[in-house]
Amino acid sequence: MITRNVTIQNSVGLHARPATFFIQKANAYASSVWIEKDDRRVNAKSLLGVLSMGIAKGMTVTLIADGADEQAAIDGLVALIDSGFGE
């Protein structure tokens, strides 16, 4: 299991379009992937779960991956977040 903290930098946070990109990227990996904020953890492959977190610009979240390609999953998701989702 790998965890990494990352700060959301795009202007709208993980809402609508960016959240869709995020879950599509998470679903590209075989590993189980979660996103955690405060004391709440949701499946990063679930659009409803990610949207329900209310993650806004400047918030720090923890990404958690467990499985065969866990390192690639974390690296890929962090790269997507760091890119600002192309905004």
PDB file of N, CA and C in Angstrom:
ATOM      1  N   MET A   1       0.847  -1.178   0.000  1.00  0.00           N
ATOM      2  CA  MET A   1       0.000   0.000   0.000  1.00  0.00           C
ATOM      3  C   MET A   1       0.892   1.239   0.000  1.00  0.00           C
ATOM      4  N   ILE A   2       0.520   2.185  -0.849  1.00  0.00           N
ATOM      5  CA  ILE A   2       1.260   3.440  -0.969  1.00  0.00           C
ATOM      6  C   ILE A   2       0.295   4.592  -0.716  1.00  0.00           C
ATOM      7  N   THR A   3       0.763   5.594   0.031  1.00  0.00           N
ATOM      8  CA  THR A   3      -0.036   6.798   0.235  1.00  0.00           C
ATOM      9  C   THR A   3       0.797   8.016  -0.143  1.00  0.00           C
ATOM     10  N   ARG A   4       0.108   9.053  -0.597  1.00  0.00           N
ATOM     11  CA  ARG A   4       0.799  10.309  -0.901  1.00  0.00           C
ATOM     12  C   ARG A   4      -0.177  11.463  -0.733  1.00  0.00           C
ATOM     13  N   ASN A   5       0.286  12.517  -0.066  1.00  0.00           N
ATOM     14  CA  ASN A   5      -0.513  13.728   0.068  1.00  0.00           C
ATOM     15  C   ASN A   5      -0.279  14.609  -1.150  1.00  0.00           C
ATOM     16  N   VAL A   6      -1.347  15.245  -1.617  1.00  0.00           N
ATOM     17  CA  VAL A   6      -1.263  16.127  -2.774  1.00  0.00           C
ATOM     18  C   VAL A   6      -2.252  17.277  -2.575  1.00  0.00           C
ATOM     19  N   THR A   7      -1.847  18.463  -3.012  1.00  0.00           N
ATOM     20  CA  THR A   7      -2.702  19.644  -2.898  1.00  0.00           C
ATOM     21  C   THR A   7      -3.365  19.918  -4.240  1.00  0.00           C
ATOM     22  N   ILE A   8      -4.671  20.109  -4.192  1.00  0.00           N
ATOM     23  CA  ILE A   8      -5.451  20.390  -5.399  1.00  0.00           C
ATOM     24  C   ILE A   8      -5.171  21.828  -5.829  1.00  0.00           C
ATOM     25  N   GLN A   9      -4.763  22.007  -7.093  1.00  0.00           N
ATOM     26  CA  GLN A   9      -4.324  23.318  -7.542  1.00  0.00           C
ATOM     27  C   GLN A   9      -5.205  23.955  -8.605  1.00  0.00           C
ATOM     28  N   ASN A  10      -6.068  23.186  -9.252  1.00  0.00           N
ATOM     29  CA  ASN A  10      -6.903  23.785 -10.299  1.00  0.00           C
ATOM     30  C   ASN A  10      -7.990  24.650  -9.678  1.00  0.00           C
ATOM     31  N   SER A  11      -8.541  25.563 -10.461  1.00  0.00           N
ATOM     32  CA  SER A  11      -9.429  26.597  -9.923  1.00  0.00           C
ATOM     33  C   SER A  11     -10.742  26.091  -9.331  1.00  0.00           C
ATOM     34  N   VAL A  12     -11.288  24.989  -9.838  1.00  0.00           N
ATOM     35  CA  VAL A  12     -12.587  24.516  -9.338  1.00  0.00           C
ATOM     36  C   VAL A  12     -12.495  23.291  -8.431  1.00  0.00           C
ATOM     37  N   GLY A  13     -11.290  22.814  -8.161  1.00  0.00           N
ATOM     38  CA  GLY A  13     -11.147  21.625  -7.325  1.00  0.00           C
ATOM     39  C   GLY A  13     -11.588  20.380  -8.076  1.00  0.00           C
ATOM     40  N   LEU A  14     -12.007  19.357  -7.325  1.00  0.00           N
ATOM     41  CA  LEU A  14     -12.453  18.101  -7.950  1.00  0.00           C
ATOM     42  C   LEU A  14     -13.974  18.119  -8.118  1.00  0.00           C
ATOM     43  N   HIS A  15     -14.438  18.935  -9.044  1.00  0.00           N
ATOM     44  CA  HIS A  15     -15.859  19.034  -9.342  1.00  0.00           C
ATOM     45  C   HIS A  15     -16.072  18.772 -10.816  1.00  0.00           C
ATOM     46  N   ALA A  16     -17.182  18.173 -11.160  1.00  0.00           N
ATOM     47  CA  ALA A  16     -17.631  17.922 -12.533  1.00  0.00           C
ATOM     48  C   ALA A  16     -16.529  17.407 -13.458  1.00  0.00           C
ATOM     49  N   ARG A  17     -16.043  18.244 -14.363  1.00  0.00           N
ATOM     50  CA  ARG A  17     -15.098  17.796 -15.389  1.00  0.00           C
ATOM     51  C   ARG A  17     -13.787  17.268 -14.797  1.00  0.00           C
ATOM     52  N   PRO A  18     -13.127  17.989 -13.872  1.00  0.00           N
ATOM     53  CA  PRO A  18     -11.886  17.443 -13.313  1.00  0.00           C
ATOM     54  C   PRO A  18     -12.103  16.115 -12.575  1.00  0.00           C
ATOM     55  N   ALA A  19     -13.221  15.984 -11.882  1.00  0.00           N
ATOM     56  CA  ALA A  19     -13.501  14.739 -11.170  1.00  0.00           C
ATOM     57  C   ALA A  19     -13.675  13.587 -12.155  1.00  0.00           C
ATOM     58  N   THR A  20     -14.285  13.867 -13.296  1.00  0.00           N
ATOM     59  CA  THR A  20     -14.447  12.837 -14.326  1.00  0.00           C
ATOM     60  C   THR A  20     -13.092  12.374 -14.838  1.00  0.00           C
ATOM     61  N   PHE A  21     -12.201  13.324 -15.121  1.00  0.00           N
ATOM     62  CA  PHE A  21     -10.847  12.963 -15.552  1.00  0.00           C
ATOM     63  C   PHE A  21     -10.133  12.139 -14.482  1.00  0.00           C
ATOM     64  N   PHE A  22     -10.327  12.528 -13.231  1.00  0.00           N
ATOM     65  CA  PHE A  22      -9.672  11.846 -12.117  1.00  0.00           C
ATOM     66  C   PHE A  22     -10.131  10.398 -12.007  1.00  0.00           C
ATOM     67  N   ILE A  23     -11.432  10.173 -12.056  1.00  0.00           N
ATOM     68  CA  ILE A  23     -11.915   8.787 -11.909  1.00  0.00           C
ATOM     69  C   ILE A  23     -11.584   7.945 -13.129  1.00  0.00           C
ATOM     70  N   GLN A  24     -11.570   8.558 -14.318  1.00  0.00           N
ATOM     71  CA  GLN A  24     -11.167   7.808 -15.509  1.00  0.00           C
ATOM     72  C   GLN A  24      -9.717   7.350 -15.377  1.00  0.00           C
ATOM     73  N   LYS A  25      -8.870   8.227 -14.868  1.00  0.00           N
ATOM     74  CA  LYS A  25      -7.461   7.875 -14.667  1.00  0.00           C
ATOM     75  C   LYS A  25      -7.352   6.780 -13.610  1.00  0.00           C
ATOM     76  N   ALA A  26      -8.077   6.903 -12.504  1.00  0.00           N
ATOM     77  CA  ALA A  26      -8.034   5.899 -11.438  1.00  0.00           C
ATOM     78  C   ALA A  26      -8.499   4.542 -11.954  1.00  0.00           C
ATOM     79  N   ASN A  27      -9.515   4.538 -12.814  1.00  0.00           N
ATOM     80  CA  ASN A  27     -10.041   3.285 -13.363  1.00  0.00           C
ATOM     81  C   ASN A  27      -9.095   2.625 -14.355  1.00  0.00           C
ATOM     82  N   ALA A  28      -8.081   3.337 -14.798  1.00  0.00           N
ATOM     83  CA  ALA A  28      -7.107   2.767 -15.731  1.00  0.00           C
ATOM     84  C   ALA A  28      -6.140   1.810 -15.025  1.00  0.00           C
ATOM     85  N   TYR A  29      -6.175   1.787 -13.702  1.00  0.00           N
ATOM     86  CA  TYR A  29      -5.254   0.950 -12.922  1.00  0.00           C
ATOM     87  C   TYR A  29      -6.006  -0.211 -12.275  1.00  0.00           C
ATOM     88  N   ALA A  30      -5.308  -1.328 -12.149  1.00  0.00           N
ATOM     89  CA  ALA A  30      -5.891  -2.516 -11.531  1.00  0.00           C
ATOM     90  C   ALA A  30      -5.976  -2.378 -10.014  1.00  0.00           C
ATOM     91  N   SER A  31      -5.092  -1.579  -9.434  1.00  0.00           N
ATOM     92  CA  SER A  31      -5.047  -1.414  -7.981  1.00  0.00           C
ATOM     93  C   SER A  31      -6.316  -0.759  -7.445  1.00  0.00           C
ATOM     94  N   SER A  32      -6.604  -1.035  -6.191  1.00  0.00           N
ATOM     95  CA  SER A  32      -7.654  -0.299  -5.497  1.00  0.00           C
ATOM     96  C   SER A  32      -7.092   1.077  -5.171  1.00  0.00           C
ATOM     97  N   VAL A  33      -7.905   2.112  -5.398  1.00  0.00           N
ATOM     98  CA  VAL A  33      -7.446   3.477  -5.166  1.00  0.00           C
ATOM     99  C   VAL A  33      -8.513   4.213  -4.362  1.00  0.00           C
ATOM    100  N   TRP A  34      -8.056   4.926  -3.332  1.00  0.00           N
ATOM    101  CA  TRP A  34      -8.948   5.719  -2.494  1.00  0.00           C
ATOM    102  C   TRP A  34      -8.422   7.132  -2.408  1.00  0.00           C
ATOM    103  N   ILE A  35      -9.336   8.052  -2.116  1.00  0.00           N
ATOM    104  CA  ILE A  35      -8.959   9.435  -1.831  1.00  0.00           C
ATOM    105  C   ILE A  35      -9.514   9.763  -0.452  1.00  0.00           C
ATOM    106  N   GLU A  36      -8.684  10.398   0.359  1.00  0.00           N
ATOM    107  CA  GLU A  36      -9.047  10.650   1.753  1.00  0.00           C
ATOM    108  C   GLU A  36      -8.864  12.130   2.071  1.00  0.00           C
ATOM    109  N   LYS A  37      -9.862  12.700   2.769  1.00  0.00           N
ATOM    110  CA  LYS A  37      -9.795  14.082   3.241  1.00  0.00           C
ATOM    111  C   LYS A  37     -10.391  14.098   4.637  1.00  0.00           C
ATOM    112  N   ASP A  38      -9.664  14.689   5.563  1.00  0.00           N
ATOM    113  CA  ASP A  38     -10.055  14.683   6.968  1.00  0.00           C
ATOM    114  C   ASP A  38     -10.188  13.224   7.418  1.00  0.00           C
ATOM    115  N   ASP A  39     -11.331  12.822   7.926  1.00  0.00           N
ATOM    116  CA  ASP A  39     -11.507  11.435   8.384  1.00  0.00           C
ATOM    117  C   ASP A  39     -12.354  10.633   7.416  1.00  0.00           C
ATOM    118  N   ARG A  40     -12.499  11.101   6.197  1.00  0.00           N
ATOM    119  CA  ARG A  40     -13.389  10.449   5.231  1.00  0.00           C
ATOM    120  C   ARG A  40     -12.593   9.868   4.078  1.00  0.00           C
ATOM    121  N   ARG A  41     -12.879   8.630   3.715  1.00  0.00           N
ATOM    122  CA  ARG A  41     -12.201   7.951   2.614  1.00  0.00           C
ATOM    123  C   ARG A  41     -13.248   7.407   1.659  1.00  0.00           C
ATOM    124  N   VAL A  42     -13.036   7.675   0.342  1.00  0.00           N
ATOM    125  CA  VAL A  42     -13.955   7.163  -0.679  1.00  0.00           C
ATOM    126  C   VAL A  42     -13.161   6.479  -1.786  1.00  0.00           C
ATOM    127  N   ASN A  43     -13.845   5.639  -2.514  1.00  0.00           N
ATOM    128  CA  ASN A  43     -13.267   4.962  -3.656  1.00  0.00           C
ATOM    129  C   ASN A  43     -12.978   6.004  -4.743  1.00  0.00           C
ATOM    130  N   ALA A  44     -11.723   6.114  -5.163  1.00  0.00           N
ATOM    131  CA  ALA A  44     -11.341   7.102  -6.171  1.00  0.00           C
ATOM    132  C   ALA A  44     -11.844   6.729  -7.558  1.00  0.00           C
ATOM    133  N   LYS A  45     -12.433   5.552  -7.706  1.00  0.00           N
ATOM    134  CA  LYS A  45     -12.983   5.123  -8.983  1.00  0.00           C
ATOM    135  C   LYS A  45     -14.483   5.399  -9.082  1.00  0.00           C
ATOM    136  N   SER A  46     -15.027   6.068  -8.071  1.00  0.00           N
ATOM    137  CA  SER A  46     -16.454   6.370  -8.011  1.00  0.00           C
ATOM    138  C   SER A  46     -16.683   7.872  -8.164  1.00  0.00           C
ATOM    139  N   LEU A  47     -17.365   8.267  -9.239  1.00  0.00           N
ATOM    140  CA  LEU A  47     -17.625   9.687  -9.461  1.00  0.00           C
ATOM    141  C   LEU A  47     -18.443  10.274  -8.317  1.00  0.00           C
ATOM    142  N   LEU A  48     -19.483   9.589  -7.911  1.00  0.00           N
ATOM    143  CA  LEU A  48     -20.316  10.084  -6.818  1.00  0.00           C
ATOM    144  C   LEU A  48     -19.504  10.235  -5.534  1.00  0.00           C
ATOM    145  N   GLY A  49     -18.656   9.251  -5.255  1.00  0.00           N
ATOM    146  CA  GLY A  49     -17.829   9.323  -4.057  1.00  0.00           C
ATOM    147  C   GLY A  49     -16.884  10.512  -4.083  1.00  0.00           C
ATOM    148  N   VAL A  50     -16.206  10.714  -5.216  1.00  0.00           N
ATOM    149  CA  VAL A  50     -15.257  11.828  -5.339  1.00  0.00           C
ATOM    150  C   VAL A  50     -15.988  13.162  -5.239  1.00  0.00           C
ATOM    151  N   LEU A  51     -17.100  13.297  -5.929  1.00  0.00           N
ATOM    152  CA  LEU A  51     -17.859  14.547  -5.878  1.00  0.00           C
ATOM    153  C   LEU A  51     -18.385  14.833  -4.472  1.00  0.00           C
ATOM    154  N   SER A  52     -18.751  13.792  -3.750  1.00  0.00           N
ATOM    155  CA  SER A  52     -19.309  13.975  -2.402  1.00  0.00           C
ATOM    156  C   SER A  52     -18.284  14.502  -1.399  1.00  0.00           C
ATOM    157  N   MET A  53     -17.004  14.436  -1.757  1.00  0.00           N
ATOM    158  CA  MET A  53     -15.960  14.919  -0.851  1.00  0.00           C
ATOM    159  C   MET A  53     -15.896  16.447  -0.799  1.00  0.00           C
ATOM    160  N   GLY A  54     -16.398  17.119  -1.818  1.00  0.00           N
ATOM    161  CA  GLY A  54     -16.382  18.583  -1.830  1.00  0.00           C
ATOM    162  C   GLY A  54     -14.965  19.149  -1.816  1.00  0.00           C
ATOM    163  N   ILE A  55     -14.097  18.595  -2.624  1.00  0.00           N
ATOM    164  CA  ILE A  55     -12.688  18.986  -2.621  1.00  0.00           C
ATOM    165  C   ILE A  55     -12.508  20.247  -3.474  1.00  0.00           C
ATOM    166  N   ALA A  56     -12.026  21.309  -2.844  1.00  0.00           N
ATOM    167  CA  ALA A  56     -11.849  22.595  -3.505  1.00  0.00           C
ATOM    168  C   ALA A  56     -10.370  22.930  -3.673  1.00  0.00           C
ATOM    169  N   LYS A  57     -10.113  23.980  -4.438  1.00  0.00           N
ATOM    170  CA  LYS A  57      -8.747  24.440  -4.677  1.00  0.00           C
ATOM    171  C   LYS A  57      -8.043  24.718  -3.348  1.00  0.00           C
ATOM    172  N   GLY A  58      -6.811  24.272  -3.250  1.00  0.00           N
ATOM    173  CA  GLY A  58      -5.998  24.515  -2.066  1.00  0.00           C
ATOM    174  C   GLY A  58      -6.097  23.442  -0.993  1.00  0.00           C
ATOM    175  N   MET A  59      -7.057  22.541  -1.106  1.00  0.00           N
ATOM    176  CA  MET A  59      -7.189  21.463  -0.122  1.00  0.00           C
ATOM    177  C   MET A  59      -6.138  20.390  -0.376  1.00  0.00           C
ATOM    178  N   THR A  60      -5.657  19.811   0.706  1.00  0.00           N
ATOM    179  CA  THR A  60      -4.719  18.697   0.601  1.00  0.00           C
ATOM    180  C   THR A  60      -5.470  17.408   0.884  1.00  0.00           C
ATOM    181  N   VAL A  61      -5.309  16.438  -0.002  1.00  0.00           N
ATOM    182  CA  VAL A  61      -5.946  15.133   0.139  1.00  0.00           C
ATOM    183  C   VAL A  61      -4.860  14.060   0.155  1.00  0.00           C
ATOM    184  N   THR A  62      -5.235  12.891   0.610  1.00  0.00           N
ATOM    185  CA  THR A  62      -4.320  11.759   0.606  1.00  0.00           C
ATOM    186  C   THR A  62      -4.817  10.745  -0.411  1.00  0.00           C
ATOM    187  N   LEU A  63      -3.930  10.361  -1.319  1.00  0.00           N
ATOM    188  CA  LEU A  63      -4.234   9.298  -2.268  1.00  0.00           C
ATOM    189  C   LEU A  63      -3.661   8.001  -1.724  1.00  0.00           C
ATOM    190  N   ILE A  64      -4.419   6.932  -1.812  1.00  0.00           N
ATOM    191  CA  ILE A  64      -4.012   5.624  -1.301  1.00  0.00           C
ATOM    192  C   ILE A  64      -4.231   4.615  -2.411  1.00  0.00           C
ATOM    193  N   ALA A  65      -3.210   3.815  -2.693  1.00  0.00           N
ATOM    194  CA  ALA A  65      -3.330   2.768  -3.710  1.00  0.00           C
ATOM    195  C   ALA A  65      -2.787   1.466  -3.149  1.00  0.00           C
ATOM    196  N   ASP A  66      -3.447   0.371  -3.498  1.00  0.00           N
ATOM    197  CA  ASP A  66      -3.032  -0.944  -3.032  1.00  0.00           C
ATOM    198  C   ASP A  66      -3.269  -1.945  -4.154  1.00  0.00           C
ATOM    199  N   GLY A  67      -2.196  -2.554  -4.623  1.00  0.00           N
ATOM    200  CA  GLY A  67      -2.329  -3.547  -5.684  1.00  0.00           C
ATOM    201  C   GLY A  67      -1.071  -3.646  -6.522  1.00  0.00           C
ATOM    202  N   ALA A  68      -1.179  -4.390  -7.608  1.00  0.00           N
ATOM    203  CA  ALA A  68      -0.028  -4.699  -8.453  1.00  0.00           C
ATOM    204  C   ALA A  68       0.613  -3.467  -9.077  1.00  0.00           C
ATOM    205  N   ASP A  69      -0.194  -2.474  -9.445  1.00  0.00           N
ATOM    206  CA  ASP A  69       0.353  -1.277 -10.089  1.00  0.00           C
ATOM    207  C   ASP A  69       0.154  -0.027  -9.219  1.00  0.00           C
ATOM    208  N   GLU A  70       0.248  -0.222  -7.904  1.00  0.00           N
ATOM    209  CA  GLU A  70      -0.022   0.868  -6.965  1.00  0.00           C
ATOM    210  C   GLU A  70       0.886   2.082  -7.175  1.00  0.00           C
ATOM    211  N   GLN A  71       2.176   1.864  -7.439  1.00  0.00           N
ATOM    212  CA  GLN A  71       3.088   2.993  -7.647  1.00  0.00           C
ATOM    213  C   GLN A  71       2.713   3.777  -8.904  1.00  0.00           C
ATOM    214  N   ALA A  72       2.403   3.070  -9.970  1.00  0.00           N
ATOM    215  CA  ALA A  72       1.988   3.726 -11.211  1.00  0.00           C
ATOM    216  C   ALA A  72       0.685   4.494 -11.010  1.00  0.00           C
ATOM    217  N   ALA A  73      -0.234   3.939 -10.234  1.00  0.00           N
ATOM    218  CA  ALA A  73      -1.512   4.602  -9.966  1.00  0.00           C
ATOM    219  C   ALA A  73      -1.294   5.918  -9.224  1.00  0.00           C
ATOM    220  N   ILE A  74      -0.505   5.877  -8.175  1.00  0.00           N
ATOM    221  CA  ILE A  74      -0.233   7.098  -7.409  1.00  0.00           C
ATOM    222  C   ILE A  74       0.484   8.122  -8.281  1.00  0.00           C
ATOM    223  N   ASP A  75       1.519   7.689  -8.989  1.00  0.00           N
ATOM    224  CA  ASP A  75       2.277   8.607  -9.839  1.00  0.00           C
ATOM    225  C   ASP A  75       1.399   9.234 -10.919  1.00  0.00           C
ATOM    226  N   GLY A  76       0.546   8.434 -11.539  1.00  0.00           N
ATOM    227  CA  GLY A  76      -0.333   8.933 -12.593  1.00  0.00           C
ATOM    228  C   GLY A  76      -1.362   9.923 -12.075  1.00  0.00           C
ATOM    229  N   LEU A  77      -1.949   9.635 -10.925  1.00  0.00           N
ATOM    230  CA  LEU A  77      -2.956  10.532 -10.360  1.00  0.00           C
ATOM    231  C   LEU A  77      -2.330  11.832  -9.856  1.00  0.00           C
ATOM    232  N   VAL A  78      -1.163  11.732  -9.250  1.00  0.00           N
ATOM    233  CA  VAL A  78      -0.474  12.945  -8.792  1.00  0.00           C
ATOM    234  C   VAL A  78      -0.094  13.815  -9.992  1.00  0.00           C
ATOM    235  N   ALA A  79       0.386  13.206 -11.066  1.00  0.00           N
ATOM    236  CA  ALA A  79       0.733  13.963 -12.265  1.00  0.00           C
ATOM    237  C   ALA A  79      -0.499  14.675 -12.838  1.00  0.00           C
ATOM    238  N   LEU A  80      -1.643  13.990 -12.837  1.00  0.00           N
ATOM    239  CA  LEU A  80      -2.884  14.596 -13.329  1.00  0.00           C
ATOM    240  C   LEU A  80      -3.268  15.785 -12.466  1.00  0.00           C
ATOM    241  N   ILE A  81      -3.218  15.632 -11.164  1.00  0.00           N
ATOM    242  CA  ILE A  81      -3.565  16.725 -10.242  1.00  0.00           C
ATOM    243  C   ILE A  81      -2.591  17.881 -10.410  1.00  0.00           C
ATOM    244  N   ASP A  82      -1.289  17.580 -10.471  1.00  0.00           N
ATOM    245  CA  ASP A  82      -0.271  18.620 -10.618  1.00  0.00           C
ATOM    246  C   ASP A  82      -0.392  19.372 -11.942  1.00  0.00           C
ATOM    247  N   SER A  83      -0.964  18.720 -12.963  1.00  0.00           N
ATOM    248  CA  SER A  83      -1.130  19.382 -14.259  1.00  0.00           C
ATOM    249  C   SER A  83      -2.292  20.381 -14.236  1.00  0.00           C
ATOM    250  N   GLY A  84      -3.077  20.368 -13.160  1.00  0.00           N
ATOM    251  CA  GLY A  84      -4.239  21.258 -13.075  1.00  0.00           C
ATOM    252  C   GLY A  84      -5.379  20.819 -13.973  1.00  0.00           C
ATOM    253  N   PHE A  85      -5.362  19.553 -14.396  1.00  0.00           N
ATOM    254  CA  PHE A  85      -6.415  18.982 -15.242  1.00  0.00           C
ATOM    255  C   PHE A  85      -6.546  19.734 -16.558  1.00  0.00           C
ATOM    256  N   GLY A  86      -5.459  20.350 -17.005  1.00  0.00           N
ATOM    257  CA  GLY A  86      -5.463  21.047 -18.290  1.00  0.00           C
ATOM    258  C   GLY A  86      -6.171  22.385 -18.282  1.00  0.00           C
ATOM    259  N   GLU A  87      -6.429  22.916 -17.103  1.00  0.00           N
ATOM    260  CA  GLU A  87      -7.127  24.217 -17.033  1.00  0.00           C
ATOM    261  C   GLU A  87      -6.154  25.366 -17.192  1.00  0.00           C
TER     262      GLU A  87
END
